[in-house]
């Protein structure tokens, strides 16, 4: 993208206006100058240089160092020739002692547009020095003229630098957004297709004998690798240049609990949760899975399902272990055992959510977490 194109097109109009202004002023005083013919020649030079510079600056491939140097040299030369062309009387007492008048500021303005306020200010200083050589007397009018040249170069250069930085940041954001959209599209394809098939193969293969068990283990390993790949291509919320460092993708966090005996099912889309709340939710899920490994039996399997329902996040954790009675679970809560009092019920209560448990002897345990969350 040519950021400077529109700026240099506007600059071309300004440059032509300045050269017309300079020619009109010089024609009004042509009868008072020391060398009228030379003044006409200088006016023609200014007009040709303005047209040529405007054309070259409009072409990105022509904005080269030598073009700007030639423009600066000619502008400084026109100013320095003023002493001979106009004569000492006009250069020392005239309201506009230079042939170029304000036309000479065009070259440093081009440098400011091209390289920013520092180089633009340096180019403006060179023009000011040339003007001072022609008319060394410091009058209020001359001081104001020189100050305006420097101010114009600084302002235009600073504006261009800020615009360039803003445009660069916007392009980076567009690139990141496009990359995120593509990664999410691929993640949805994998999640809705491949992962579901692998989960089915793992589940059904366990009842098909030794060969089915090997197939189930291979499917589980491949599912884990694919989930890890999706996590690696998700948003890195800890990176310094990340778009949002205050929220985590809950799907990515829960996917990390996937292991032999634990199946994780998460939505294809992103569920962003404030980082502190995400850590607490993750800890509650981890505690529930720890209880499965400790109390559900050696052959127990666990399934974790993450869903979004309106303004709530719903997490279901169930296993096919030995189960129990609600009375036993209530006693465990009262005694503070199994981490249920603080790690599960306490955390969910602090988040403004609820934790409900359903169980029966021989039918496993099912938890349902409901957490209100502000998803951006």
Foldseek 3Di string as FASTA:
>chain_A
DPPLQVVLLVLLVVLQVLLVVLVVVCVVCLVQFPANVVLVVLSVVSNVLSVVLSVQSNDVVSPDPVNLVVLLVSLLVQFLCLCVGRHLVCLAPNLQSGSSRCSSLSSLLSVLLVPALVSSLVSLVSSLVSSCVSHVDDDVSNVVSSVVSNVSSNVSRHVNVVVVVVVVVVVVVVVVVVLQVVLLVVLQVCQVPVLVVLVVQLVVLVPVPPVSPVSNVVSLVVSLVVLVVSLVSHFPLPDPPGPHVQWDFLLNLVSVPRDVQEAEREHSDTFIFGPVLSVLVSQQVVLVVVCCVVPFDDPKHKYWYWDDDPQKIKIKIWIQGQWDDVVVVVVCCVVCPSVCVCSHQVSLVVQVWGWDWDTDGRRTIMIMIIGGGDTD
